Amino acid sequence: MSRIKSAWEIALERTQDIEVDKDRLAKEEMTRRARALAGSYLNYDEGVDEESVAKDWEGIRDKEGAREGLRMALLQNLTLPGESVLNDRYERLSFLAGLLSGGNGDVAALMGQITAFLKQYPQHQQQLLEQLKAHFRPMLEEKEAKLSEQYGQPVHIAPESDKDFMKLAQQQLEALRKQYSDSLDQAKAQLERLI
């Protein structure tokens, strides 16, 4: 009769030839540390300022994986803003790009252009909506007049409650977002080449 093996013995047999790749683990740890450093700075964590980030970066920048982690954090956080930009998030990203590039002037210039570009996006969205409202105003006034005549009292229609206006606005805003997104992707590719 054969001996029945425990689950522990089976697991040991299956894992006895597995080797740990210490270099890969060290690289992954440095990537994680660099991303965490960038994340703390971008999230305005208490006690994390430019000076502390620069000091921490000095300690890990030459380790394999650190540059990759900071590069990933930088590129993933370069996104179109949802609303007007009220804080210095893009300036913080520019600081991280400077750390990563070692103060390369071309990188600083490109980050300045990207920052200005991203800060324009909410303004262009607002301008587009205002133009659409101005374009739709005569049609809405006509609808208001017909409804006022029909109901015998004044009727006001907000552009945001008109389905035709909202459909056109969504289409136009999506086209604007796509234009900005495509341009941002090109700028990020150029930035990636520089760093």
N, C-alpha and C. Protein backbone atom coordinates (compact mmCIF):
# COMPACT_ATOMS: atom_id res chain seq x y z
N MET A 1 0.85 -1.17 0.00
CA MET A 1 0.00 0.00 0.00
C MET A 1 0.89 1.23 0.00
N SER A 2 0.54 2.19 -0.84
CA SER A 2 1.39 3.37 -0.95
C SER A 2 1.02 4.39 0.13
N ARG A 3 2.04 5.17 0.43
CA ARG A 3 1.88 6.19 1.47
C ARG A 3 1.14 7.40 0.86
N ILE A 4 0.20 7.98 1.58
CA ILE A 4 -0.52 9.15 1.13
C ILE A 4 0.27 10.39 1.55
N LYS A 5 0.53 11.26 0.57
CA LYS A 5 1.30 12.47 0.85
C LYS A 5 0.37 13.58 1.33
N SER A 6 0.90 14.37 2.22
CA SER A 6 0.13 15.52 2.70
C SER A 6 0.23 16.65 1.67
N ALA A 7 -0.64 17.60 1.77
CA ALA A 7 -0.63 18.75 0.87
C ALA A 7 0.68 19.51 1.00
N TRP A 8 1.22 19.57 2.19
CA TRP A 8 2.49 20.24 2.44
C TRP A 8 3.62 19.56 1.67
N GLU A 9 3.67 18.25 1.70
CA GLU A 9 4.71 17.52 1.00
C GLU A 9 4.59 17.70 -0.53
N ILE A 10 3.37 17.70 -1.02
CA ILE A 10 3.15 17.90 -2.45
C ILE A 10 3.60 19.30 -2.85
N ALA A 11 3.27 20.29 -2.05
CA ALA A 11 3.68 21.67 -2.34
C ALA A 11 5.19 21.80 -2.33
N LEU A 12 5.86 21.18 -1.39
CA LEU A 12 7.32 21.23 -1.32
C LEU A 12 7.96 20.58 -2.55
N GLU A 13 7.40 19.47 -3.00
CA GLU A 13 7.93 18.80 -4.18
C GLU A 13 7.79 19.69 -5.42
N ARG A 14 6.68 20.38 -5.53
CA ARG A 14 6.42 21.20 -6.71
C ARG A 14 7.26 22.47 -6.72
N THR A 15 7.67 22.94 -5.58
CA THR A 15 8.39 24.21 -5.51
C THR A 15 9.89 24.05 -5.27
N GLN A 16 10.38 22.84 -5.19
CA GLN A 16 11.79 22.65 -4.84
C GLN A 16 12.75 23.16 -5.92
N ASP A 17 12.32 23.21 -7.17
CA ASP A 17 13.21 23.67 -8.24
C ASP A 17 13.00 25.13 -8.63
N ILE A 18 12.14 25.83 -7.93
CA ILE A 18 11.88 27.23 -8.24
C ILE A 18 12.99 28.10 -7.66
N GLU A 19 13.51 28.98 -8.51
CA GLU A 19 14.56 29.90 -8.07
C GLU A 19 14.01 31.32 -8.07
N VAL A 20 14.44 32.08 -7.11
CA VAL A 20 14.02 33.48 -7.01
C VAL A 20 14.99 34.36 -7.79
N ASP A 21 14.45 35.20 -8.64
CA ASP A 21 15.26 36.13 -9.41
C ASP A 21 15.41 37.41 -8.57
N LYS A 22 16.49 37.48 -7.82
CA LYS A 22 16.69 38.59 -6.88
C LYS A 22 16.87 39.91 -7.61
N ASP A 23 17.51 39.89 -8.76
CA ASP A 23 17.71 41.13 -9.52
C ASP A 23 16.38 41.70 -9.99
N ARG A 24 15.51 40.82 -10.48
CA ARG A 24 14.19 41.26 -10.95
C ARG A 24 13.38 41.81 -9.78
N LEU A 25 13.43 41.16 -8.64
CA LEU A 25 12.70 41.63 -7.47
C LEU A 25 13.23 42.98 -6.99
N ALA A 26 14.55 43.16 -7.03
CA ALA A 26 15.14 44.44 -6.62
C ALA A 26 14.72 45.55 -7.58
N LYS A 27 14.70 45.25 -8.87
CA LYS A 27 14.28 46.24 -9.87
C LYS A 27 12.82 46.62 -9.66
N GLU A 28 11.97 45.63 -9.43
CA GLU A 28 10.55 45.88 -9.20
C GLU A 28 10.35 46.72 -7.93
N GLU A 29 11.14 46.47 -6.91
CA GLU A 29 11.04 47.24 -5.67
C GLU A 29 11.43 48.69 -5.91
N MET A 30 12.48 48.92 -6.69
CA MET A 30 12.89 50.29 -6.99
C MET A 30 11.84 51.01 -7.84
N THR A 31 11.23 50.29 -8.77
CA THR A 31 10.15 50.86 -9.58
C THR A 31 9.00 51.27 -8.67
N ARG A 32 8.63 50.39 -7.75
CA ARG A 32 7.55 50.68 -6.82
C ARG A 32 7.89 51.86 -5.93
N ARG A 33 9.12 51.92 -5.43
CA ARG A 33 9.53 53.03 -4.55
C ARG A 33 9.49 54.36 -5.28
N ALA A 34 9.96 54.39 -6.52
CA ALA A 34 9.95 55.64 -7.29
C ALA A 34 8.51 56.09 -7.57
N ARG A 35 7.64 55.16 -7.89
CA ARG A 35 6.24 55.50 -8.13
C ARG A 35 5.57 56.00 -6.86
N ALA A 36 5.89 55.37 -5.73
CA ALA A 36 5.32 55.80 -4.45
C ALA A 36 5.82 57.19 -4.08
N LEU A 37 7.08 57.46 -4.35
CA LEU A 37 7.65 58.78 -4.09
C LEU A 37 6.92 59.84 -4.91
N ALA A 38 6.74 59.58 -6.19
CA ALA A 38 6.03 60.51 -7.06
C ALA A 38 4.58 60.67 -6.61
N GLY A 39 3.95 59.57 -6.26
CA GLY A 39 2.55 59.62 -5.82
C GLY A 39 2.37 60.45 -4.55
N SER A 40 3.26 60.28 -3.61
CA SER A 40 3.19 61.06 -2.37
C SER A 40 3.31 62.55 -2.66
N TYR A 41 4.23 62.88 -3.53
CA TYR A 41 4.45 64.29 -3.88
C TYR A 41 3.24 64.86 -4.63
N LEU A 42 2.71 64.11 -5.59
CA LEU A 42 1.58 64.58 -6.38
C LEU A 42 0.28 64.65 -5.58
N ASN A 43 0.19 63.85 -4.53
CA ASN A 43 -1.01 63.85 -3.68
C ASN A 43 -0.90 64.80 -2.50
N TYR A 44 0.16 65.61 -2.50
CA TYR A 44 0.37 66.61 -1.45
C TYR A 44 0.41 65.97 -0.06
N ASP A 45 1.03 64.80 0.04
CA ASP A 45 1.16 64.16 1.36
C ASP A 45 1.94 65.07 2.30
N GLU A 46 1.58 65.01 3.55
CA GLU A 46 2.21 65.86 4.55
C GLU A 46 3.70 65.55 4.66
N GLY A 47 4.49 66.58 4.67
CA GLY A 47 5.94 66.44 4.81
C GLY A 47 6.66 66.06 3.53
N VAL A 48 5.93 65.97 2.43
CA VAL A 48 6.55 65.62 1.15
C VAL A 48 6.57 66.87 0.28
N ASP A 49 7.75 67.48 0.17
CA ASP A 49 7.91 68.67 -0.65
C ASP A 49 9.05 68.43 -1.63
N GLU A 50 9.36 69.45 -2.43
CA GLU A 50 10.40 69.28 -3.46
C GLU A 50 11.74 68.88 -2.85
N GLU A 51 12.07 69.46 -1.74
CA GLU A 51 13.36 69.16 -1.11
C GLU A 51 13.44 67.70 -0.67
N SER A 52 12.39 67.21 -0.02
CA SER A 52 12.42 65.82 0.44
C SER A 52 12.38 64.84 -0.73
N VAL A 53 11.64 65.18 -1.77
CA VAL A 53 11.57 64.31 -2.95
C VAL A 53 12.92 64.26 -3.64
N ALA A 54 13.56 65.43 -3.79
CA ALA A 54 14.88 65.48 -4.43
C ALA A 54 15.89 64.66 -3.63
N LYS A 55 15.83 64.76 -2.31
CA LYS A 55 16.75 64.00 -1.46
C LYS A 55 16.51 62.49 -1.60
N ASP A 56 15.24 62.09 -1.55
CA ASP A 56 14.92 60.67 -1.70
C ASP A 56 15.31 60.15 -3.09
N TRP A 57 15.10 60.99 -4.10
CA TRP A 57 15.45 60.59 -5.47
C TRP A 57 16.95 60.39 -5.60
N GLU A 58 17.74 61.23 -4.96
CA GLU A 58 19.20 61.08 -4.99
C GLU A 58 19.61 59.70 -4.48
N GLY A 59 18.88 59.20 -3.48
CA GLY A 59 19.22 57.91 -2.90
C GLY A 59 18.87 56.71 -3.76
N ILE A 60 17.92 56.88 -4.68
CA ILE A 60 17.49 55.71 -5.47
C ILE A 60 17.67 55.87 -6.97
N ARG A 61 17.99 57.06 -7.46
CA ARG A 61 17.95 57.31 -8.91
C ARG A 61 18.87 56.42 -9.73
N ASP A 62 19.98 55.98 -9.18
CA ASP A 62 20.92 55.16 -9.93
C ASP A 62 20.60 53.67 -9.85
N LYS A 63 19.61 53.32 -9.09
CA LYS A 63 19.24 51.91 -8.95
C LYS A 63 18.33 51.52 -10.10
N GLU A 64 18.56 50.31 -10.61
CA GLU A 64 17.77 49.83 -11.74
C GLU A 64 16.29 49.77 -11.36
N GLY A 65 15.47 50.31 -12.19
CA GLY A 65 14.03 50.31 -11.97
C GLY A 65 13.51 51.65 -11.47
N ALA A 66 14.33 52.44 -10.81
CA ALA A 66 13.87 53.71 -10.25
C ALA A 66 13.44 54.68 -11.36
N ARG A 67 14.26 54.80 -12.39
CA ARG A 67 13.92 55.70 -13.50
C ARG A 67 12.62 55.27 -14.17
N GLU A 68 12.46 53.95 -14.32
CA GLU A 68 11.24 53.42 -14.94
C GLU A 68 10.02 53.77 -14.09
N GLY A 69 10.13 53.64 -12.79
CA GLY A 69 9.02 53.95 -11.90
C GLY A 69 8.62 55.42 -11.96
N LEU A 70 9.61 56.30 -11.95
CA LEU A 70 9.32 57.73 -12.02
C LEU A 70 8.77 58.10 -13.39
N ARG A 71 9.30 57.51 -14.44
CA ARG A 71 8.81 57.75 -15.80
C ARG A 71 7.34 57.33 -15.91
N MET A 72 7.02 56.16 -15.37
CA MET A 72 5.64 55.67 -15.42
C MET A 72 4.70 56.61 -14.67
N ALA A 73 5.11 57.03 -13.48
CA ALA A 73 4.28 57.93 -12.67
C ALA A 73 4.06 59.25 -13.40
N LEU A 74 5.10 59.78 -14.01
CA LEU A 74 5.01 61.05 -14.72
C LEU A 74 4.03 60.94 -15.88
N LEU A 75 4.22 59.95 -16.73
CA LEU A 75 3.40 59.83 -17.93
C LEU A 75 1.94 59.49 -17.61
N GLN A 76 1.72 58.68 -16.58
CA GLN A 76 0.35 58.32 -16.21
C GLN A 76 -0.41 59.50 -15.62
N ASN A 77 0.29 60.45 -15.03
CA ASN A 77 -0.37 61.59 -14.41
C ASN A 77 -0.51 62.79 -15.34
N LEU A 78 0.05 62.71 -16.53
CA LEU A 78 -0.17 63.75 -17.53
C LEU A 78 -1.48 63.44 -18.25
N THR A 79 -2.56 63.98 -17.71
CA THR A 79 -3.89 63.71 -18.26
C THR A 79 -4.65 65.02 -18.43
N LEU A 80 -5.69 64.96 -19.23
CA LEU A 80 -6.54 66.14 -19.42
C LEU A 80 -7.30 66.42 -18.13
N PRO A 81 -7.33 67.68 -17.72
CA PRO A 81 -8.07 68.02 -16.50
C PRO A 81 -9.57 67.97 -16.76
N GLY A 82 -10.31 67.61 -15.74
CA GLY A 82 -11.77 67.58 -15.86
C GLY A 82 -12.38 68.96 -15.71
N GLU A 83 -11.74 69.78 -14.91
CA GLU A 83 -12.24 71.14 -14.65
C GLU A 83 -11.06 72.09 -14.74
N SER A 84 -11.31 73.35 -14.41
CA SER A 84 -10.22 74.31 -14.45
C SER A 84 -9.14 73.90 -13.45
N VAL A 85 -7.91 74.19 -13.77
CA VAL A 85 -6.78 73.78 -12.96
C VAL A 85 -6.57 74.81 -11.85
N LEU A 86 -6.79 74.39 -10.60
CA LEU A 86 -6.69 75.31 -9.48
C LEU A 86 -5.41 75.16 -8.68
N ASN A 87 -4.75 74.04 -8.81
CA ASN A 87 -3.53 73.83 -8.02
C ASN A 87 -2.30 73.74 -8.93
N ASP A 88 -1.20 73.41 -8.34
CA ASP A 88 0.06 73.38 -9.09
C ASP A 88 0.45 71.97 -9.51
N ARG A 89 -0.53 71.13 -9.78
CA ARG A 89 -0.26 69.73 -10.15
C ARG A 89 0.70 69.62 -11.34
N TYR A 90 0.50 70.42 -12.37
CA TYR A 90 1.34 70.32 -13.56
C TYR A 90 2.74 70.85 -13.29
N GLU A 91 2.85 71.82 -12.42
CA GLU A 91 4.18 72.30 -12.04
C GLU A 91 4.90 71.20 -11.25
N ARG A 92 4.16 70.46 -10.45
CA ARG A 92 4.77 69.34 -9.72
C ARG A 92 5.23 68.25 -10.70
N LEU A 93 4.45 68.01 -11.72
CA LEU A 93 4.86 67.04 -12.75
C LEU A 93 6.11 67.54 -13.47
N SER A 94 6.18 68.84 -13.71
CA SER A 94 7.38 69.42 -14.34
C SER A 94 8.61 69.22 -13.46
N PHE A 95 8.42 69.36 -12.15
CA PHE A 95 9.53 69.13 -11.21
C PHE A 95 10.00 67.67 -11.30
N LEU A 96 9.05 66.73 -11.34
CA LEU A 96 9.42 65.31 -11.45
C LEU A 96 10.13 65.04 -12.77
N ALA A 97 9.67 65.67 -13.85
CA ALA A 97 10.34 65.50 -15.15
C ALA A 97 11.76 66.03 -15.08
N GLY A 98 11.96 67.12 -14.36
CA GLY A 98 13.30 67.68 -14.19
C GLY A 98 14.21 66.73 -13.42
N LEU A 99 13.66 66.08 -12.40
CA LEU A 99 14.45 65.10 -11.65
C LEU A 99 14.85 63.95 -12.56
N LEU A 100 13.90 63.49 -13.32
CA LEU A 100 14.12 62.33 -14.19
C LEU A 100 15.13 62.64 -15.29
N SER A 101 15.08 63.86 -15.82
CA SER A 101 15.95 64.20 -16.94
C SER A 101 17.27 64.83 -16.48
N GLY A 102 17.42 65.02 -15.20
CA GLY A 102 18.64 65.64 -14.70
C GLY A 102 18.72 67.12 -15.03
N GLY A 103 17.56 67.77 -15.14
CA GLY A 103 17.53 69.21 -15.42
C GLY A 103 17.69 69.57 -16.88
N ASN A 104 17.42 68.64 -17.78
CA ASN A 104 17.53 68.88 -19.22
C ASN A 104 16.61 70.03 -19.62
N GLY A 105 17.17 71.05 -20.29
CA GLY A 105 16.42 72.22 -20.71
C GLY A 105 15.33 71.91 -21.72
N ASP A 106 15.58 70.95 -22.61
CA ASP A 106 14.58 70.56 -23.60
C ASP A 106 13.35 69.96 -22.92
N VAL A 107 13.59 69.15 -21.89
CA VAL A 107 12.49 68.55 -21.13
C VAL A 107 11.71 69.64 -20.41
N ALA A 108 12.41 70.58 -19.80
CA ALA A 108 11.75 71.68 -19.09
C ALA A 108 10.89 72.50 -20.04
N ALA A 109 11.41 72.79 -21.24
CA ALA A 109 10.66 73.56 -22.22
C ALA A 109 9.42 72.81 -22.68
N LEU A 110 9.57 71.52 -22.95
CA LEU A 110 8.44 70.71 -23.38
C LEU A 110 7.39 70.61 -22.28
N MET A 111 7.82 70.43 -21.05
CA MET A 111 6.87 70.36 -19.94
C MET A 111 6.14 71.69 -19.77
N GLY A 112 6.81 72.80 -20.02
CA GLY A 112 6.14 74.10 -19.97
C GLY A 112 5.05 74.20 -21.02
N GLN A 113 5.35 73.70 -22.21
CA GLN A 113 4.36 73.72 -23.29
C GLN A 113 3.18 72.79 -22.96
N ILE A 114 3.48 71.61 -22.43
CA ILE A 114 2.42 70.66 -22.08
C ILE A 114 1.55 71.25 -20.98
N THR A 115 2.16 71.88 -19.98
CA THR A 115 1.40 72.47 -18.88
C THR A 115 0.46 73.56 -19.40
N ALA A 116 0.97 74.45 -20.24
CA ALA A 116 0.14 75.52 -20.80
C ALA A 116 -1.00 74.93 -21.64
N PHE A 117 -0.70 73.91 -22.41
CA PHE A 117 -1.68 73.23 -23.24
C PHE A 117 -2.79 72.62 -22.39
N LEU A 118 -2.42 71.92 -21.32
CA LEU A 118 -3.41 71.27 -20.47
C LEU A 118 -4.26 72.27 -19.71
N LYS A 119 -3.68 73.40 -19.35
CA LYS A 119 -4.45 74.42 -18.64
C LYS A 119 -5.44 75.13 -19.56
N GLN A 120 -5.20 75.09 -20.88
CA GLN A 120 -6.12 75.69 -21.85
C GLN A 120 -7.37 74.83 -22.06
N TYR A 121 -7.26 73.56 -21.85
CA TYR A 121 -8.34 72.64 -22.18
C TYR A 121 -9.67 73.02 -21.51
N PRO A 122 -9.73 73.24 -20.19
CA PRO A 122 -11.01 73.61 -19.59
C PRO A 122 -11.55 74.95 -20.13
N GLN A 123 -10.66 75.86 -20.44
CA GLN A 123 -11.09 77.14 -21.01
C GLN A 123 -11.71 76.94 -22.39
N HIS A 124 -11.10 76.08 -23.19
CA HIS A 124 -11.65 75.81 -24.52
C HIS A 124 -12.99 75.08 -24.43
N GLN A 125 -13.13 74.21 -23.44
CA GLN A 125 -14.43 73.55 -23.24
C GLN A 125 -15.51 74.59 -22.95
N GLN A 126 -15.19 75.51 -22.04
CA GLN A 126 -16.14 76.54 -21.65
C GLN A 126 -16.48 77.46 -22.84
N GLN A 127 -15.47 77.84 -23.61
CA GLN A 127 -15.70 78.69 -24.78
C GLN A 127 -16.61 77.98 -25.79
N LEU A 128 -16.36 76.70 -25.99
CA LEU A 128 -17.17 75.93 -26.93
C LEU A 128 -18.63 75.89 -26.47
N LEU A 129 -18.86 75.67 -25.19
CA LEU A 129 -20.24 75.64 -24.67
C LEU A 129 -20.92 77.00 -24.83
N GLU A 130 -20.18 78.06 -24.57
CA GLU A 130 -20.76 79.40 -24.72
C GLU A 130 -21.11 79.68 -26.18
N GLN A 131 -20.25 79.27 -27.11
CA GLN A 131 -20.54 79.46 -28.53
C GLN A 131 -21.77 78.66 -28.95
N LEU A 132 -21.87 77.43 -28.46
CA LEU A 132 -23.03 76.60 -28.79
C LEU A 132 -24.31 77.20 -28.22
N LYS A 133 -24.24 77.74 -27.01
CA LYS A 133 -25.42 78.37 -26.41
C LYS A 133 -25.85 79.59 -27.22
N ALA A 134 -24.88 80.38 -27.65
CA ALA A 134 -25.19 81.55 -28.47
C ALA A 134 -25.81 81.14 -29.80
N HIS A 135 -25.30 80.06 -30.37
CA HIS A 135 -25.83 79.55 -31.63
C HIS A 135 -27.26 79.03 -31.46
N PHE A 136 -27.54 78.38 -30.33
CA PHE A 136 -28.83 77.77 -30.09
C PHE A 136 -29.86 78.75 -29.53
N ARG A 137 -29.42 79.91 -29.03
CA ARG A 137 -30.34 80.85 -28.38
C ARG A 137 -31.54 81.20 -29.26
N PRO A 138 -31.38 81.57 -30.54
CA PRO A 138 -32.57 81.90 -31.36
C PRO A 138 -33.56 80.73 -31.48
N MET A 139 -33.05 79.52 -31.63
CA MET A 139 -33.94 78.35 -31.74
C MET A 139 -34.69 78.12 -30.42
N LEU A 140 -34.00 78.31 -29.30
CA LEU A 140 -34.64 78.13 -28.00
C LEU A 140 -35.68 79.21 -27.76
N GLU A 141 -35.39 80.43 -28.18
CA GLU A 141 -36.36 81.52 -28.03
C GLU A 141 -37.61 81.24 -28.84
N GLU A 142 -37.43 80.66 -30.00
CA GLU A 142 -38.58 80.30 -30.83
C GLU A 142 -39.40 79.21 -30.15
N LYS A 143 -38.74 78.21 -29.59
CA LYS A 143 -39.45 77.15 -28.86
C LYS A 143 -40.17 77.74 -27.64
N GLU A 144 -39.50 78.65 -26.93
CA GLU A 144 -40.11 79.28 -25.76
C GLU A 144 -41.37 80.05 -26.15
N ALA A 145 -41.31 80.78 -27.27
CA ALA A 145 -42.46 81.56 -27.72
C ALA A 145 -43.64 80.65 -28.07
N LYS A 146 -43.37 79.55 -28.76
CA LYS A 146 -44.43 78.61 -29.11
C LYS A 146 -45.06 78.00 -27.87
N LEU A 147 -44.20 77.59 -26.92
CA LEU A 147 -44.72 76.98 -25.69
C LEU A 147 -45.46 78.00 -24.82
N SER A 148 -44.98 79.23 -24.79
CA SER A 148 -45.65 80.28 -24.02
C SER A 148 -47.03 80.56 -24.59
N GLU A 149 -47.11 80.57 -25.92
CA GLU A 149 -48.40 80.79 -26.58
C GLU A 149 -49.34 79.61 -26.30
N GLN A 150 -48.79 78.42 -26.35
CA GLN A 150 -49.59 77.21 -26.14
C GLN A 150 -50.12 77.13 -24.71
N TYR A 151 -49.28 77.45 -23.71
CA TYR A 151 -49.68 77.31 -22.31
C TYR A 151 -50.23 78.59 -21.69
N GLY A 152 -50.11 79.71 -22.39
CA GLY A 152 -50.65 80.95 -21.89
C GLY A 152 -49.85 81.59 -20.77
N GLN A 153 -48.67 81.16 -20.57
CA GLN A 153 -47.78 81.77 -19.57
C GLN A 153 -46.35 81.65 -20.06
N PRO A 154 -45.46 82.54 -19.54
CA PRO A 154 -44.07 82.51 -20.02
C PRO A 154 -43.36 81.18 -19.70
N VAL A 155 -42.63 80.68 -20.67
CA VAL A 155 -41.88 79.43 -20.52
C VAL A 155 -40.41 79.74 -20.83
N HIS A 156 -39.55 79.26 -19.96
CA HIS A 156 -38.10 79.44 -20.18
C HIS A 156 -37.46 78.06 -20.35
N ILE A 157 -36.66 77.92 -21.40
CA ILE A 157 -35.96 76.65 -21.65
C ILE A 157 -34.46 76.90 -21.50
N ALA A 158 -33.85 76.21 -20.57
CA ALA A 158 -32.39 76.29 -20.42
C ALA A 158 -31.76 75.41 -21.49
N PRO A 159 -30.65 75.86 -22.07
CA PRO A 159 -30.00 75.04 -23.11
C PRO A 159 -29.70 73.62 -22.62
N GLU A 160 -29.33 73.49 -21.33
CA GLU A 160 -28.97 72.18 -20.79
C GLU A 160 -30.15 71.22 -20.72
N SER A 161 -31.38 71.75 -20.83
CA SER A 161 -32.55 70.87 -20.78
C SER A 161 -33.10 70.56 -22.18
N ASP A 162 -32.47 71.10 -23.20
CA ASP A 162 -32.89 70.83 -24.57
C ASP A 162 -32.08 69.65 -25.12
N LYS A 163 -32.79 68.61 -25.56
CA LYS A 163 -32.08 67.40 -26.00
C LYS A 163 -31.25 67.64 -27.25
N ASP A 164 -31.69 68.50 -28.16
CA ASP A 164 -30.92 68.77 -29.37
C ASP A 164 -29.61 69.49 -29.01
N PHE A 165 -29.72 70.46 -28.10
CA PHE A 165 -28.52 71.17 -27.66
C PHE A 165 -27.55 70.21 -26.98
N MET A 166 -28.06 69.38 -26.10
CA MET A 166 -27.19 68.46 -25.35
C MET A 166 -26.52 67.46 -26.28
N LYS A 167 -27.24 67.00 -27.27
CA LYS A 167 -26.65 66.04 -28.22
C LYS A 167 -25.50 66.70 -28.98
N LEU A 168 -25.73 67.90 -29.48
CA LEU A 168 -24.69 68.61 -30.22
C LEU A 168 -23.52 68.96 -29.29
N ALA A 169 -23.82 69.39 -28.08
CA ALA A 169 -22.76 69.75 -27.13
C ALA A 169 -21.89 68.54 -26.82
N GLN A 170 -22.51 67.41 -26.61
CA GLN A 170 -21.73 66.19 -26.31
C GLN A 170 -20.84 65.82 -27.48
N GLN A 171 -21.36 65.92 -28.69
CA GLN A 171 -20.57 65.59 -29.88
C GLN A 171 -19.38 66.55 -30.01
N GLN A 172 -19.64 67.83 -29.84
CA GLN A 172 -18.58 68.82 -29.98
C GLN A 172 -17.53 68.70 -28.87
N LEU A 173 -17.99 68.46 -27.64
CA LEU A 173 -17.05 68.31 -26.53
C LEU A 173 -16.20 67.05 -26.70
N GLU A 174 -16.80 66.00 -27.22
CA GLU A 174 -16.04 64.76 -27.46
C GLU A 174 -15.00 64.99 -28.56
N ALA A 175 -15.36 65.73 -29.59
CA ALA A 175 -14.39 66.03 -30.66
C ALA A 175 -13.24 66.88 -30.10
N LEU A 176 -13.55 67.83 -29.25
CA LEU A 176 -12.51 68.66 -28.62
C LEU A 176 -11.61 67.80 -27.73
N ARG A 177 -12.23 66.92 -26.95
CA ARG A 177 -11.45 66.04 -26.07
C ARG A 177 -10.53 65.15 -26.88
N LYS A 178 -11.02 64.64 -28.00
CA LYS A 178 -10.19 63.78 -28.85
C LYS A 178 -9.01 64.55 -29.43
N GLN A 179 -9.24 65.78 -29.88
CA GLN A 179 -8.15 66.60 -30.41
C GLN A 179 -7.08 66.82 -29.35
N TYR A 180 -7.51 67.19 -28.16
CA TYR A 180 -6.56 67.43 -27.08
C TYR A 180 -5.86 66.14 -26.67
N SER A 181 -6.62 65.07 -26.61
CA SER A 181 -6.05 63.79 -26.19
C SER A 181 -4.99 63.31 -27.19
N ASP A 182 -5.29 63.45 -28.48
CA ASP A 182 -4.32 63.05 -29.51
C ASP A 182 -3.04 63.90 -29.41
N SER A 183 -3.22 65.20 -29.23
CA SER A 183 -2.05 66.09 -29.10
C SER A 183 -1.25 65.76 -27.85
N LEU A 184 -1.95 65.47 -26.77
CA LEU A 184 -1.27 65.11 -25.52
C LEU A 184 -0.49 63.80 -25.69
N ASP A 185 -1.07 62.83 -26.38
CA ASP A 185 -0.36 61.56 -26.62
C ASP A 185 0.93 61.80 -27.41
N GLN A 186 0.87 62.69 -28.39
CA GLN A 186 2.07 63.01 -29.18
C GLN A 186 3.11 63.70 -28.30
N ALA A 187 2.67 64.61 -27.46
CA ALA A 187 3.60 65.32 -26.57
C ALA A 187 4.22 64.35 -25.57
N LYS A 188 3.43 63.41 -25.07
CA LYS A 188 3.96 62.43 -24.12
C LYS A 188 4.99 61.53 -24.79
N ALA A 189 4.75 61.17 -26.06
CA ALA A 189 5.72 60.35 -26.79
C ALA A 189 7.02 61.12 -26.98
N GLN A 190 6.91 62.41 -27.28
CA GLN A 190 8.10 63.23 -27.45
C GLN A 190 8.84 63.36 -26.11
N LEU A 191 8.09 63.55 -25.03
CA LEU A 191 8.68 63.65 -23.71
C LEU A 191 9.40 62.35 -23.34
N GLU A 192 8.77 61.24 -23.65
CA GLU A 192 9.37 59.94 -23.35
C GLU A 192 10.69 59.76 -24.10
N ARG A 193 10.75 60.23 -25.33
CA ARG A 193 12.01 60.14 -26.08
C ARG A 193 13.10 61.00 -25.44
N LEU A 194 12.71 62.15 -24.92
CA LEU A 194 13.70 63.05 -24.31
C LEU A 194 14.23 62.54 -22.97
N ILE A 195 13.37 61.82 -22.24
CA ILE A 195 13.82 61.34 -20.92
C ILE A 195 14.26 59.90 -21.03
